PDB file of N, CA and C in Angstrom:
ATOM      1  N   ALA A   1     127.685  83.121 139.717  1.00  0.00           N
ATOM      2  CA  ALA A   1     126.794  82.203 139.027  1.00  0.00           C
ATOM      3  C   ALA A   1     127.494  81.651 137.799  1.00  0.00           C
ATOM      4  N   LYS A   2     127.359  80.368 137.601  1.00  0.00           N
ATOM      5  CA  LYS A   2     127.977  79.732 136.445  1.00  0.00           C
ATOM      6  C   LYS A   2     127.071  79.852 135.236  1.00  0.00           C
ATOM      7  N   GLU A   3     127.696  80.128 134.110  1.00  0.00           N
ATOM      8  CA  GLU A   3     126.969  80.160 132.852  1.00  0.00           C
ATOM      9  C   GLU A   3     127.350  78.914 132.073  1.00  0.00           C
ATOM     10  N   GLY A   4     126.483  78.504 131.187  1.00  0.00           N
ATOM     11  CA  GLY A   4     126.793  77.361 130.348  1.00  0.00           C
ATOM     12  C   GLY A   4     126.220  77.575 128.967  1.00  0.00           C
ATOM     13  N   MET A   5     126.658  76.749 128.052  1.00  0.00           N
ATOM     14  CA  MET A   5     126.155  76.836 126.687  1.00  0.00           C
ATOM     15  C   MET A   5     125.031  75.832 126.520  1.00  0.00           C
ATOM     16  N   SER A   6     123.927  76.293 125.994  1.00  0.00           N
ATOM     17  CA  SER A   6     122.820  75.387 125.714  1.00  0.00           C
ATOM     18  C   SER A   6     122.800  75.093 124.217  1.00  0.00           C
ATOM     19  N   VAL A   7     123.848  74.430 123.768  1.00  0.00           N
ATOM     20  CA  VAL A   7     124.010  74.107 122.356  1.00  0.00           C
ATOM     21  C   VAL A   7     123.905  72.598 122.199  1.00  0.00           C
ATOM     22  N   ARG A   8     123.094  72.180 121.246  1.00  0.00           N
ATOM     23  CA  ARG A   8     122.978  70.750 120.966  1.00  0.00           C
ATOM     24  C   ARG A   8     124.139  70.322 120.073  1.00  0.00           C
ATOM     25  N   ARG A   9     124.650  69.133 120.303  1.00  0.00           N
ATOM     26  CA  ARG A   9     125.761  68.625 119.493  1.00  0.00           C
ATOM     27  C   ARG A   9     125.387  68.580 118.014  1.00  0.00           C
ATOM     28  N   ASP A  10     124.124  68.326 117.707  1.00  0.00           N
ATOM     29  CA  ASP A  10     123.676  68.281 116.313  1.00  0.00           C
ATOM     30  C   ASP A  10     123.775  69.634 115.614  1.00  0.00           C
ATOM     31  N   ASP A  11     123.871  70.711 116.390  1.00  0.00           N
ATOM     32  CA  ASP A  11     123.963  72.053 115.817  1.00  0.00           C
ATOM     33  C   ASP A  11     125.404  72.485 115.548  1.00  0.00           C
ATOM     34  N   VAL A  12     126.356  71.630 115.883  1.00  0.00           N
ATOM     35  CA  VAL A  12     127.770  71.989 115.774  1.00  0.00           C
ATOM     36  C   VAL A  12     128.471  71.027 114.825  1.00  0.00           C
ATOM     37  N   TYR A  13     129.280  71.576 113.936  1.00  0.00           N
ATOM     38  CA  TYR A  13     130.104  70.756 113.053  1.00  0.00           C
ATOM     39  C   TYR A  13     131.552  71.089 113.367  1.00  0.00           C
ATOM     40  N   ILE A  14     132.333  70.084 113.704  1.00  0.00           N
ATOM     41  CA  ILE A  14     133.734  70.288 114.060  1.00  0.00           C
ATOM     42  C   ILE A  14     134.601  69.789 112.913  1.00  0.00           C
ATOM     43  N   CYS A  15     135.513  70.642 112.469  1.00  0.00           N
ATOM     44  CA  CYS A  15     136.441  70.234 111.418  1.00  0.00           C
ATOM     45  C   CYS A  15     137.809  70.840 111.720  1.00  0.00           C
ATOM     46  N   ASN A  16     138.819  70.292 111.082  1.00  0.00           N
ATOM     47  CA  ASN A  16     140.195  70.716 111.316  1.00  0.00           C
ATOM     48  C   ASN A  16     140.822  71.240 110.036  1.00  0.00           C
ATOM     49  N   VAL A  17     141.806  72.114 110.208  1.00  0.00           N
ATOM     50  CA  VAL A  17     142.533  72.654 109.056  1.00  0.00           C
ATOM     51  C   VAL A  17     143.277  71.536 108.353  1.00  0.00           C
ATOM     52  N   VAL A  18     144.017  70.734 109.104  1.00  0.00           N
ATOM     53  CA  VAL A  18     144.718  69.594 108.511  1.00  0.00           C
ATOM     54  C   VAL A  18     143.981  68.323 108.904  1.00  0.00           C
ATOM     55  N   LYS A  19     143.991  67.366 108.011  1.00  0.00           N
ATOM     56  CA  LYS A  19     143.188  66.162 108.197  1.00  0.00           C
ATOM     57  C   LYS A  19     143.958  65.024 108.857  1.00  0.00           C
ATOM     58  N   CYS A  20     145.238  65.239 109.116  1.00  0.00           N
ATOM     59  CA  CYS A  20     146.019  64.259 109.876  1.00  0.00           C
ATOM     60  C   CYS A  20     146.950  65.038 110.804  1.00  0.00           C
ATOM     61  N   ARG A  21     147.302  64.427 111.889  1.00  0.00           N
ATOM     62  CA  ARG A  21     148.123  65.104 112.892  1.00  0.00           C
ATOM     63  C   ARG A  21     149.575  65.184 112.410  1.00  0.00           C
ATOM     64  N   PRO A  22     150.154  66.379 112.399  1.00  0.00           N
ATOM     65  CA  PRO A  22     151.572  66.489 112.029  1.00  0.00           C
ATOM     66  C   PRO A  22     152.453  65.759 113.045  1.00  0.00           C
ATOM     67  N   PRO A  23     153.638  65.329 112.626  1.00  0.00           N
ATOM     68  CA  PRO A  23     154.538  64.625 113.552  1.00  0.00           C
ATOM     69  C   PRO A  23     154.758  65.420 114.837  1.00  0.00           C
ATOM     70  N   LYS A  24     154.724  64.714 115.952  1.00  0.00           N
ATOM     71  CA  LYS A  24     154.928  65.288 117.287  1.00  0.00           C
ATOM     72  C   LYS A  24     153.949  66.421 117.586  1.00  0.00           C
ATOM     73  N   ASN A  25     152.804  66.391 116.920  1.00  0.00           N
ATOM     74  CA  ASN A  25     151.727  67.367 117.135  1.00  0.00           C
ATOM     75  C   ASN A  25     152.190  68.815 116.937  1.00  0.00           C
ATOM     76  N   ARG A  26     153.148  69.009 116.041  1.00  0.00           N
ATOM     77  CA  ARG A  26     153.643  70.359 115.771  1.00  0.00           C
ATOM     78  C   ARG A  26     152.595  71.161 115.008  1.00  0.00           C
ATOM     79  N   THR A  27     152.794  72.469 114.958  1.00  0.00           N
ATOM     80  CA  THR A  27     151.919  73.337 114.173  1.00  0.00           C
ATOM     81  C   THR A  27     152.077  72.978 112.700  1.00  0.00           C
ATOM     82  N   PRO A  28     150.977  72.879 111.966  1.00  0.00           N
ATOM     83  CA  PRO A  28     151.085  72.529 110.540  1.00  0.00           C
ATOM     84  C   PRO A  28     151.909  73.552 109.762  1.00  0.00           C
ATOM     85  N   GLU A  29     152.672  73.049 108.808  1.00  0.00           N
ATOM     86  CA  GLU A  29     153.459  73.908 107.921  1.00  0.00           C
ATOM     87  C   GLU A  29     152.519  74.581 106.920  1.00  0.00           C
ATOM     88  N   PRO A  30     152.933  75.727 106.358  1.00  0.00           N
ATOM     89  CA  PRO A  30     152.071  76.415 105.388  1.00  0.00           C
ATOM     90  C   PRO A  30     151.631  75.536 104.214  1.00  0.00           C
ATOM     91  N   ASP A  31     152.527  74.689 103.692  1.00  0.00           N
ATOM     92  CA  ASP A  31     152.125  73.849 102.557  1.00  0.00           C
ATOM     93  C   ASP A  31     151.099  72.798 102.980  1.00  0.00           C
ATOM     94  N   GLU A  32     151.202  72.285 104.203  1.00  0.00           N
ATOM     95  CA  GLU A  32     150.206  71.334 104.710  1.00  0.00           C
ATOM     96  C   GLU A  32     148.852  72.018 104.866  1.00  0.00           C
ATOM     97  N   MET A  33     148.884  73.243 105.375  1.00  0.00           N
ATOM     98  CA  MET A  33     147.636  73.990 105.547  1.00  0.00           C
ATOM     99  C   MET A  33     147.007  74.306 104.193  1.00  0.00           C
ATOM    100  N   GLU A  34     147.835  74.613 103.207  1.00  0.00           N
ATOM    101  CA  GLU A  34     147.308  74.932 101.878  1.00  0.00           C
ATOM    102  C   GLU A  34     146.663  73.710 101.226  1.00  0.00           C
ATOM    103  N   ILE A  35     147.347  72.577 101.298  1.00  0.00           N
ATOM    104  CA  ILE A  35     146.817  71.354 100.681  1.00  0.00           C
ATOM    105  C   ILE A  35     145.540  70.903 101.390  1.00  0.00           C
ATOM    106  N   CYS A  36     145.596  70.796 102.706  1.00  0.00           N
ATOM    107  CA  CYS A  36     144.423  70.344 103.461  1.00  0.00           C
ATOM    108  C   CYS A  36     143.326  71.402 103.490  1.00  0.00           C
ATOM    109  N   GLY A  37     143.716  72.669 103.389  1.00  0.00           N
ATOM    110  CA  GLY A  37     142.736  73.745 103.395  1.00  0.00           C
ATOM    111  C   GLY A  37     141.715  73.613 102.281  1.00  0.00           C
ATOM    112  N   GLN A  38     142.129  73.032 101.163  1.00  0.00           N
ATOM    113  CA  GLN A  38     141.192  72.819 100.055  1.00  0.00           C
ATOM    114  C   GLN A  38     140.017  71.950 100.502  1.00  0.00           C
ATOM    115  N   PHE A  39     140.306  70.921 101.294  1.00  0.00           N
ATOM    116  CA  PHE A  39     139.250  70.043 101.806  1.00  0.00           C
ATOM    117  C   PHE A  39     138.386  70.780 102.825  1.00  0.00           C
ATOM    118  N   LEU A  40     139.038  71.535 103.698  1.00  0.00           N
ATOM    119  CA  LEU A  40     138.306  72.318 104.691  1.00  0.00           C
ATOM    120  C   LEU A  40     137.350  73.287 104.008  1.00  0.00           C
ATOM    121  N   PHE A  41     137.831  73.996 103.008  1.00  0.00           N
ATOM    122  CA  PHE A  41     136.995  74.979 102.322  1.00  0.00           C
ATOM    123  C   PHE A  41     135.819  74.309 101.616  1.00  0.00           C
ATOM    124  N   ARG A  42     136.044  73.128 101.059  1.00  0.00           N
ATOM    125  CA  ARG A  42     134.935  72.392 100.436  1.00  0.00           C
ATOM    126  C   ARG A  42     133.902  71.989 101.483  1.00  0.00           C
ATOM    127  N   GLN A  43     134.388  71.513 102.635  1.00  0.00           N
ATOM    128  CA  GLN A  43     133.463  71.153 103.715  1.00  0.00           C
ATOM    129  C   GLN A  43     132.597  72.353 104.092  1.00  0.00           C
ATOM    130  N   LEU A  44     133.240  73.490 104.296  1.00  0.00           N
ATOM    131  CA  LEU A  44     132.507  74.680 104.721  1.00  0.00           C
ATOM    132  C   LEU A  44     131.536  75.159 103.647  1.00  0.00           C
ATOM    133  N   ASN A  45     131.912  75.021 102.385  1.00  0.00           N
ATOM    134  CA  ASN A  45     131.007  75.408 101.300  1.00  0.00           C
ATOM    135  C   ASN A  45     129.769  74.517 101.255  1.00  0.00           C
ATOM    136  N   VAL A  46     129.923  73.248 101.593  1.00  0.00           N
ATOM    137  CA  VAL A  46     128.787  72.323 101.609  1.00  0.00           C
ATOM    138  C   VAL A  46     127.909  72.574 102.836  1.00  0.00           C
ATOM    139  N   ILE A  47     128.532  72.746 103.980  1.00  0.00           N
ATOM    140  CA  ILE A  47     127.792  72.902 105.236  1.00  0.00           C
ATOM    141  C   ILE A  47     127.117  74.263 105.326  1.00  0.00           C
ATOM    142  N   ARG A  48     127.773  75.298 104.821  1.00  0.00           N
ATOM    143  CA  ARG A  48     127.257  76.672 104.882  1.00  0.00           C
ATOM    144  C   ARG A  48     126.853  77.062 106.307  1.00  0.00           C
ATOM    145  N   PRO A  49     127.808  77.042 107.235  1.00  0.00           N
ATOM    146  CA  PRO A  49     127.447  77.397 108.612  1.00  0.00           C
ATOM    147  C   PRO A  49     127.018  78.856 108.717  1.00  0.00           C
ATOM    148  N   ARG A  50     126.205  79.119 109.698  1.00  0.00           N
ATOM    149  CA  ARG A  50     125.761  80.497 109.939  1.00  0.00           C
ATOM    150  C   ARG A  50     126.916  81.348 110.458  1.00  0.00           C
ATOM    151  N   ALA A  51     127.824  80.708 111.200  1.00  0.00           N
ATOM    152  CA  ALA A  51     129.023  81.373 111.712  1.00  0.00           C
ATOM    153  C   ALA A  51     130.079  80.310 111.967  1.00  0.00           C
ATOM    154  N   ILE A  52     131.334  80.752 112.034  1.00  0.00           N
ATOM    155  CA  ILE A  52     132.461  79.866 112.326  1.00  0.00           C
ATOM    156  C   ILE A  52     133.169  80.405 113.555  1.00  0.00           C
ATOM    157  N   CYS A  53     133.471  79.514 114.487  1.00  0.00           N
ATOM    158  CA  CYS A  53     134.315  79.859 115.623  1.00  0.00           C
ATOM    159  C   CYS A  53     135.657  79.174 115.375  1.00  0.00           C
ATOM    160  N   ALA A  54     136.666  79.959 115.016  1.00  0.00           N
ATOM    161  CA  ALA A  54     137.993  79.428 114.702  1.00  0.00           C
ATOM    162  C   ALA A  54     138.781  79.296 115.999  1.00  0.00           C
ATOM    163  N   LEU A  55     139.109  78.060 116.361  1.00  0.00           N
ATOM    164  CA  LEU A  55     139.787  77.799 117.629  1.00  0.00           C
ATOM    165  C   LEU A  55     141.298  77.758 117.435  1.00  0.00           C
ATOM    166  N   GLY A  56     141.962  78.845 117.772  1.00  0.00           N
ATOM    167  CA  GLY A  56     143.412  78.916 117.723  1.00  0.00           C
ATOM    168  C   GLY A  56     143.958  79.597 116.485  1.00  0.00           C
ATOM    169  N   SER A  57     145.257  79.894 116.543  1.00  0.00           N
ATOM    170  CA  SER A  57     145.934  80.610 115.459  1.00  0.00           C
ATOM    171  C   SER A  57     145.917  79.857 114.146  1.00  0.00           C
ATOM    172  N   THR A  58     146.115  78.546 114.189  1.00  0.00           N
ATOM    173  CA  THR A  58     146.162  77.776 112.947  1.00  0.00           C
ATOM    174  C   THR A  58     144.844  77.898 112.194  1.00  0.00           C
ATOM    175  N   ALA A  59     143.732  77.715 112.892  1.00  0.00           N
ATOM    176  CA  ALA A  59     142.420  77.821 112.246  1.00  0.00           C
ATOM    177  C   ALA A  59     142.172  79.240 111.745  1.00  0.00           C
ATOM    178  N   ALA A  60     142.489  80.224 112.571  1.00  0.00           N
ATOM    179  CA  ALA A  60     142.255  81.619 112.186  1.00  0.00           C
ATOM    180  C   ALA A  60     143.101  81.996 110.975  1.00  0.00           C
ATOM    181  N   ARG A  61     144.351  81.601 110.969  1.00  0.00           N
ATOM    182  CA  ARG A  61     145.229  81.939 109.844  1.00  0.00           C
ATOM    183  C   ARG A  61     144.792  81.240 108.567  1.00  0.00           C
ATOM    184  N   ALA A  62     144.364  79.987 108.682  1.00  0.00           N
ATOM    185  CA  ALA A  62     143.921  79.246 107.495  1.00  0.00           C
ATOM    186  C   ALA A  62     142.687  79.895 106.875  1.00  0.00           C
ATOM    187  N   LEU A  63     141.752  80.302 107.711  1.00  0.00           N
ATOM    188  CA  LEU A  63     140.506  80.877 107.202  1.00  0.00           C
ATOM    189  C   LEU A  63     140.656  82.330 106.769  1.00  0.00           C
ATOM    190  N   LEU A  64     141.459  83.080 107.492  1.00  0.00           N
ATOM    191  CA  LEU A  64     141.515  84.520 107.264  1.00  0.00           C
ATOM    192  C   LEU A  64     142.743  84.971 106.491  1.00  0.00           C
ATOM    193  N   GLY A  65     143.712  84.067 106.338  1.00  0.00           N
ATOM    194  CA  GLY A  65     144.952  84.454 105.674  1.00  0.00           C
ATOM    195  C   GLY A  65     145.722  85.495 106.467  1.00  0.00           C
ATOM    196  N   ALA A  66     145.475  85.547 107.752  1.00  0.00           N
ATOM    197  CA  ALA A  66     146.067  86.572 108.615  1.00  0.00           C
ATOM    198  C   ALA A  66     147.477  86.186 109.039  1.00  0.00           C
ATOM    199  N   LYS A  67     148.275  87.177 109.280  1.00  0.00           N
ATOM    200  CA  LYS A  67     149.624  86.963 109.815  1.00  0.00           C
ATOM    201  C   LYS A  67     149.640  87.145 111.333  1.00  0.00           C
ATOM    202  N   GLU A  68     148.659  87.893 111.854  1.00  0.00           N
ATOM    203  CA  GLU A  68     148.606  88.161 113.285  1.00  0.00           C
ATOM    204  C   GLU A  68     148.325  86.880 114.061  1.00  0.00           C
ATOM    205  N   GLY A  69     148.711  86.907 115.325  1.00  0.00           N
ATOM    206  CA  GLY A  69     148.418  85.794 116.213  1.00  0.00           C
ATOM    207  C   GLY A  69     147.001  85.889 116.752  1.00  0.00           C
ATOM    208  N   ILE A  70     146.613  84.878 117.481  1.00  0.00           N
ATOM    209  CA  ILE A  70     145.236  84.784 117.959  1.00  0.00           C
ATOM    210  C   ILE A  70     144.893  85.897 118.945  1.00  0.00           C
ATOM    211  N   THR A  71     145.843  86.376 119.723  1.00  0.00           N
ATOM    212  CA  THR A  71     145.519  87.421 120.694  1.00  0.00           C
ATOM    213  C   THR A  71     145.105  88.721 120.009  1.00  0.00           C
ATOM    214  N   LYS A  72     145.610  88.970 118.813  1.00  0.00           N
ATOM    215  CA  LYS A  72     145.204  90.175 118.076  1.00  0.00           C
ATOM    216  C   LYS A  72     143.938  89.949 117.258  1.00  0.00           C
ATOM    217  N   LEU A  73     143.689  88.710 116.850  1.00  0.00           N
ATOM    218  CA  LEU A  73     142.528  88.411 116.004  1.00  0.00           C
ATOM    219  C   LEU A  73     141.252  88.171 116.805  1.00  0.00           C
ATOM    220  N   ARG A  74     141.390  87.646 118.006  1.00  0.00           N
ATOM    221  CA  ARG A  74     140.226  87.195 118.769  1.00  0.00           C
ATOM    222  C   ARG A  74     139.366  88.377 119.235  1.00  0.00           C
ATOM    223  N   GLY A  75     138.112  88.042 119.523  1.00  0.00           N
ATOM    224  CA  GLY A  75     137.228  89.023 120.129  1.00  0.00           C
ATOM    225  C   GLY A  75     136.474  89.911 119.164  1.00  0.00           C
ATOM    226  N   ARG A  76     136.778  89.826 117.879  1.00  0.00           N
ATOM    227  CA  ARG A  76     136.047  90.635 116.899  1.00  0.00           C
ATOM    228  C   ARG A  76     135.763  89.794 115.664  1.00  0.00           C
ATOM    229  N   TRP A  77     134.701  90.167 114.983  1.00  0.00           N
ATOM    230  CA  TRP A  77     134.263  89.420 113.813  1.00  0.00           C
ATOM    231  C   TRP A  77     135.149  89.687 112.607  1.00  0.00           C
ATOM    232  N   HIS A  78     135.344  88.633 111.826  1.00  0.00           N
ATOM    233  CA  HIS A  78     136.038  88.678 110.541  1.00  0.00           C
ATOM    234  C   HIS A  78     135.130  87.948 109.557  1.00  0.00           C
ATOM    235  N   MET A  79     135.520  87.896 108.305  1.00  0.00           N
ATOM    236  CA  MET A  79     134.723  87.164 107.320  1.00  0.00           C
ATOM    237  C   MET A  79     135.588  86.165 106.569  1.00  0.00           C
ATOM    238  N   TRP A  80     135.034  84.988 106.343  1.00  0.00           N
ATOM    239  CA  TRP A  80     135.590  84.023 105.399  1.00  0.00           C
ATOM    240  C   TRP A  80     134.528  83.884 104.316  1.00  0.00           C
ATOM    241  N   ARG A  81     134.877  84.348 103.140  1.00  0.00           N
ATOM    242  CA  ARG A  81     133.900  84.448 102.059  1.00  0.00           C
ATOM    243  C   ARG A  81     132.719  85.246 102.594  1.00  0.00           C
ATOM    244  N   ASP A  82     131.535  84.705 102.680  1.00  0.00           N
ATOM    245  CA  ASP A  82     130.424  85.495 103.225  1.00  0.00           C
ATOM    246  C   ASP A  82     129.950  84.963 104.578  1.00  0.00           C
ATOM    247  N   ILE A  83     130.826  84.243 105.274  1.00  0.00           N
ATOM    248  CA  ILE A  83     130.476  83.649 106.567  1.00  0.00           C
ATOM    249  C   ILE A  83     131.255  84.359 107.673  1.00  0.00           C
ATOM    250  N   PRO A  84     130.557  84.828 108.712  1.00  0.00           N
ATOM    251  CA  PRO A  84     131.256  85.479 109.823  1.00  0.00           C
ATOM    252  C   PRO A  84     132.119  84.490 110.608  1.00  0.00           C
ATOM    253  N   VAL A  85     133.301  84.946 110.992  1.00  0.00           N
ATOM    254  CA  VAL A  85     134.267  84.122 111.724  1.00  0.00           C
ATOM    255  C   VAL A  85     134.667  84.848 113.006  1.00  0.00           C
ATOM    256  N   MET A  86     134.570  84.140 114.122  1.00  0.00           N
ATOM    257  CA  MET A  86     135.046  84.660 115.403  1.00  0.00           C
ATOM    258  C   MET A  86     136.237  83.812 115.838  1.00  0.00           C
ATOM    259  N   PRO A  87     137.455  84.338 115.716  1.00  0.00           N
ATOM    260  CA  PRO A  87     138.616  83.601 116.221  1.00  0.00           C
ATOM    261  C   PRO A  87     138.680  83.689 117.751  1.00  0.00           C
ATOM    262  N   THR A  88     139.116  82.622 118.365  1.00  0.00           N
ATOM    263  CA  THR A  88     139.360  82.635 119.804  1.00  0.00           C
ATOM    264  C   THR A  88     140.465  81.631 120.115  1.00  0.00           C
ATOM    265  N   TYR A  89     140.788  81.507 121.377  1.00  0.00           N
ATOM    266  CA  TYR A  89     141.876  80.628 121.796  1.00  0.00           C
ATOM    267  C   TYR A  89     141.540  79.156 121.574  1.00  0.00           C
ATOM    268  N   HIS A  90     142.564  78.366 121.317  1.00  0.00           N
ATOM    269  CA  HIS A  90     142.409  76.918 121.176  1.00  0.00           C
ATOM    270  C   HIS A  90     142.163  76.321 122.563  1.00  0.00           C
ATOM    271  N   PRO A  91     141.297  75.317 122.658  1.00  0.00           N
ATOM    272  CA  PRO A  91     141.019  74.711 123.972  1.00  0.00           C
ATOM    273  C   PRO A  91     142.267  74.220 124.708  1.00  0.00           C
ATOM    274  N   SER A  92     143.267  73.713 123.988  1.00  0.00           N
ATOM    275  CA  SER A  92     144.473  73.226 124.675  1.00  0.00           C
ATOM    276  C   SER A  92     145.204  74.362 125.392  1.00  0.00           C
ATOM    277  N   TYR A  93     145.141  75.562 124.841  1.00  0.00           N
ATOM    278  CA  TYR A  93     145.743  76.726 125.489  1.00  0.00           C
ATOM    279  C   TYR A  93     144.980  77.075 126.767  1.00  0.00           C
ATOM    280  N   LEU A  94     143.675  76.936 126.714  1.00  0.00           N
ATOM    281  CA  LEU A  94     142.844  77.293 127.864  1.00  0.00           C
ATOM    282  C   LEU A  94     142.989  76.309 129.021  1.00  0.00           C
ATOM    283  N   LEU A  95     143.484  75.114 128.750  1.00  0.00           N
ATOM    284  CA  LEU A  95     143.654  74.114 129.807  1.00  0.00           C
ATOM    285  C   LEU A  95     144.860  74.390 130.699  1.00  0.00           C
ATOM    286  N   ARG A  96     145.745  75.254 130.271  1.00  0.00           N
ATOM    287  CA  ARG A  96     146.925  75.566 131.084  1.00  0.00           C
ATOM    288  C   ARG A  96     146.497  76.388 132.300  1.00  0.00           C
ATOM    289  N   PRO A  97     147.048  76.080 133.469  1.00  0.00           N
ATOM    290  CA  PRO A  97     146.547  76.693 134.710  1.00  0.00           C
ATOM    291  C   PRO A  97     146.753  78.203 134.814  1.00  0.00           C
ATOM    292  N   TYR A  98     147.684  78.769 134.082  1.00  0.00           N
ATOM    293  CA  TYR A  98     147.974  80.195 134.207  1.00  0.00           C
ATOM    294  C   TYR A  98     147.154  81.061 133.248  1.00  0.00           C
ATOM    295  N   ASN A  99     146.164  80.489 132.596  1.00  0.00           N
ATOM    296  CA  ASN A  99     145.411  81.225 131.580  1.00  0.00           C
ATOM    297  C   ASN A  99     143.989  81.568 132.004  1.00  0.00           C
ATOM    298  N   GLN A 100     143.792  81.960 133.234  1.00  0.00           N
ATOM    299  CA  GLN A 100     142.443  82.279 133.705  1.00  0.00           C
ATOM    300  C   GLN A 100     141.832  83.440 132.926  1.00  0.00           C
ATOM    301  N   ASN A 101     142.613  84.467 132.626  1.00  0.00           N
ATOM    302  CA  ASN A 101     142.092  85.604 131.875  1.00  0.00           C
ATOM    303  C   ASN A 101     141.704  85.184 130.457  1.00  0.00           C
ATOM    304  N   ALA A 102     142.510  84.323 129.845  1.00  0.00           N
ATOM    305  CA  ALA A 102     142.202  83.836 128.496  1.00  0.00           C
ATOM    306  C   ALA A 102     140.897  83.042 128.494  1.00  0.00           C
ATOM    307  N   LYS A 103     140.629  82.315 129.562  1.00  0.00           N
ATOM    308  CA  LYS A 103     139.369  81.564 129.660  1.00  0.00           C
ATOM    309  C   LYS A 103     138.184  82.519 129.645  1.00  0.00           C
ATOM    310  N   ARG A 104     138.293  83.606 130.385  1.00  0.00           N
ATOM    311  CA  ARG A 104     137.214  84.606 130.393  1.00  0.00           C
ATOM    312  C   ARG A 104     137.037  85.220 129.005  1.00  0.00           C
ATOM    313  N   GLU A 105     138.152  85.538 128.354  1.00  0.00           N
ATOM    314  CA  GLU A 105     138.083  86.131 127.013  1.00  0.00           C
ATOM    315  C   GLU A 105     137.450  85.160 126.018  1.00  0.00           C
ATOM    316  N   ALA A 106     137.837  83.894 126.087  1.00  0.00           N
ATOM    317  CA  ALA A 106     137.270  82.886 125.183  1.00  0.00           C
ATOM    318  C   ALA A 106     135.769  82.738 125.421  1.00  0.00           C
ATOM    319  N   TRP A 107     135.355  82.785 126.680  1.00  0.00           N
ATOM    320  CA  TRP A 107     133.928  82.683 126.989  1.00  0.00           C
ATOM    321  C   TRP A 107     133.169  83.869 126.395  1.00  0.00           C
ATOM    322  N   GLU A 108     133.742  85.065 126.472  1.00  0.00           N
ATOM    323  CA  GLU A 108     133.109  86.240 125.865  1.00  0.00           C
ATOM    324  C   GLU A 108     133.009  86.074 124.347  1.00  0.00           C
ATOM    325  N   ASP A 109     134.057  85.525 123.733  1.00  0.00           N
ATOM    326  CA  ASP A 109     134.034  85.274 122.287  1.00  0.00           C
ATOM    327  C   ASP A 109     132.923  84.285 121.931  1.00  0.00           C
ATOM    328  N   LEU A 110     132.835  83.207 122.687  1.00  0.00           N
ATOM    329  CA  LEU A 110     131.806  82.192 122.424  1.00  0.00           C
ATOM    330  C   LEU A 110     130.404  82.762 122.608  1.00  0.00           C
ATOM    331  N   LYS A 111     130.233  83.620 123.594  1.00  0.00           N
ATOM    332  CA  LYS A 111     128.918  84.232 123.795  1.00  0.00           C
ATOM    333  C   LYS A 111     128.534  85.096 122.591  1.00  0.00           C
ATOM    334  N   LYS A 112     129.507  85.762 121.976  1.00  0.00           N
ATOM    335  CA  LYS A 112     129.220  86.547 120.769  1.00  0.00           C
ATOM    336  C   LYS A 112     128.739  85.637 119.640  1.00  0.00           C
ATOM    337  N   VAL A 113     129.376  84.483 119.497  1.00  0.00           N
ATOM    338  CA  VAL A 113     128.969  83.536 118.458  1.00  0.00           C
ATOM    339  C   VAL A 113     127.557  83.030 118.733  1.00  0.00           C
ATOM    340  N   LEU A 114     127.304  82.616 119.965  1.00  0.00           N
ATOM    341  CA  LEU A 114     125.978  82.108 120.323  1.00  0.00           C
ATOM    342  C   LEU A 114     124.907  83.172 120.126  1.00  0.00           C
ATOM    343  N   HIS A 115     125.210  84.379 120.511  1.00  0.00           N
ATOM    344  CA  HIS A 115     124.276  85.491 120.355  1.00  0.00           C
ATOM    345  C   HIS A 115     123.946  85.687 118.874  1.00  0.00           C
ATOM    346  N   TYR A 116     124.967  85.654 118.039  1.00  0.00           N
ATOM    347  CA  TYR A 116     124.754  85.842 116.607  1.00  0.00           C
ATOM    348  C   TYR A 116     123.956  84.681 115.998  1.00  0.00           C
ATOM    349  N   VAL A 117     124.326  83.459 116.338  1.00  0.00           N
ATOM    350  CA  VAL A 117     123.712  82.282 115.719  1.00  0.00           C
ATOM    351  C   VAL A 117     122.274  82.069 116.173  1.00  0.00           C
ATOM    352  N   TYR A 118     122.005  82.288 117.457  1.00  0.00           N
ATOM    353  CA  TYR A 118     120.699  81.921 117.994  1.00  0.00           C
ATOM    354  C   TYR A 118     119.706  83.068 118.126  1.00  0.00           C
ATOM    355  N   ASP A 119     120.146  84.305 117.962  1.00  0.00           N
ATOM    356  CA  ASP A 119     119.187  85.408 118.036  1.00  0.00           C
ATOM    357  C   ASP A 119     118.267  85.386 116.826  1.00  0.00           C
ATOM    358  N   GLU A 120     117.015  85.658 117.059  1.00  0.00           N
ATOM    359  CA  GLU A 120     116.042  85.760 115.966  1.00  0.00           C
ATOM    360  C   GLU A 120     115.447  87.149 115.974  1.00  0.00           C
ATOM    361  N   PRO A 121     115.422  87.874 114.909  1.00  0.00           N
ATOM    362  CA  PRO A 121     116.160  87.590 113.685  1.00  0.00           C
ATOM    363  C   PRO A 121     117.640  87.889 113.884  1.00  0.00           C
ATOM    364  N   PRO A 122     118.495  87.353 113.023  1.00  0.00           N
ATOM    365  CA  PRO A 122     119.929  87.628 113.176  1.00  0.00           C
ATOM    366  C   PRO A 122     120.203  89.124 113.068  1.00  0.00           C
ATOM    367  N   ARG A 123     121.069  89.580 113.907  1.00  0.00           N
ATOM    368  CA  ARG A 123     121.445  90.991 113.896  1.00  0.00           C
ATOM    369  C   ARG A 123     122.644  91.193 112.976  1.00  0.00           C
ATOM    370  N   PRO A 124     122.813  92.406 112.482  1.00  0.00           N
ATOM    371  CA  PRO A 124     124.031  92.686 111.707  1.00  0.00           C
ATOM    372  C   PRO A 124     125.252  92.507 112.607  1.00  0.00           C
ATOM    373  N   LEU A 125     126.343  92.113 112.010  1.00  0.00           N
ATOM    374  CA  LEU A 125     127.559  91.894 112.785  1.00  0.00           C
ATOM    375  C   LEU A 125     128.194  93.216 113.189  1.00  0.00           C
ATOM    376  N   PRO A 126     128.619  93.321 114.441  1.00  0.00           N
ATOM    377  CA  PRO A 126     129.359  94.510 114.869  1.00  0.00           C
ATOM    378  C   PRO A 126     130.837  94.384 114.503  1.00  0.00           C
ATOM    379  N   ASP A 127     131.585  95.429 114.731  1.00  0.00           N
ATOM    380  CA  ASP A 127     133.050  95.426 114.638  1.00  0.00           C
ATOM    381  C   ASP A 127     133.600  95.247 113.231  1.00  0.00           C
ATOM    382  N   PHE A 128     132.882  95.634 112.204  1.00  0.00           N
ATOM    383  CA  PHE A 128     133.457  95.556 110.856  1.00  0.00           C
ATOM    384  C   PHE A 128     133.913  96.917 110.425  1.00  0.00           C
TER     385      PHE A 128
END
C-alpha cells in the first residue's frame, strides 16, 4: 500500500542555506554558509516553525554546526535554538536509482516530522 503526505503547501515554508546558487552547483563554502546563514536564521526566527526538516548535509551542518555527514545525523531529533530539527537526505540524492534504501529512510524521517507537527497535543521529542 502506498502512503502519502497530507500536507498543505500553505503549511510548509521552504528556505535555503545560501540565497544564490554557487558556481556549477557546488556545495557552498563555509564562508558562504556563514554569510547567508544570517539571513536563514532571521527567516526562521520570524517564522518560528514548529519543526524543521533539514534536507541534506549542507542544511543540517548550517543549522546544527555538525561535522558529521547526513547519514550519521538523519533519523533522530536535534535542536536549533529551541526548534526541533530532523535531518534527512536531500531530494536530489533520493532521485538516484541506486538509493532505494535511502528513500525508505527519508520517508521514515518525514513521518517522524509529520507525527510531531500534526499530533495533538504535541508529544515530547524522543531521542534526546
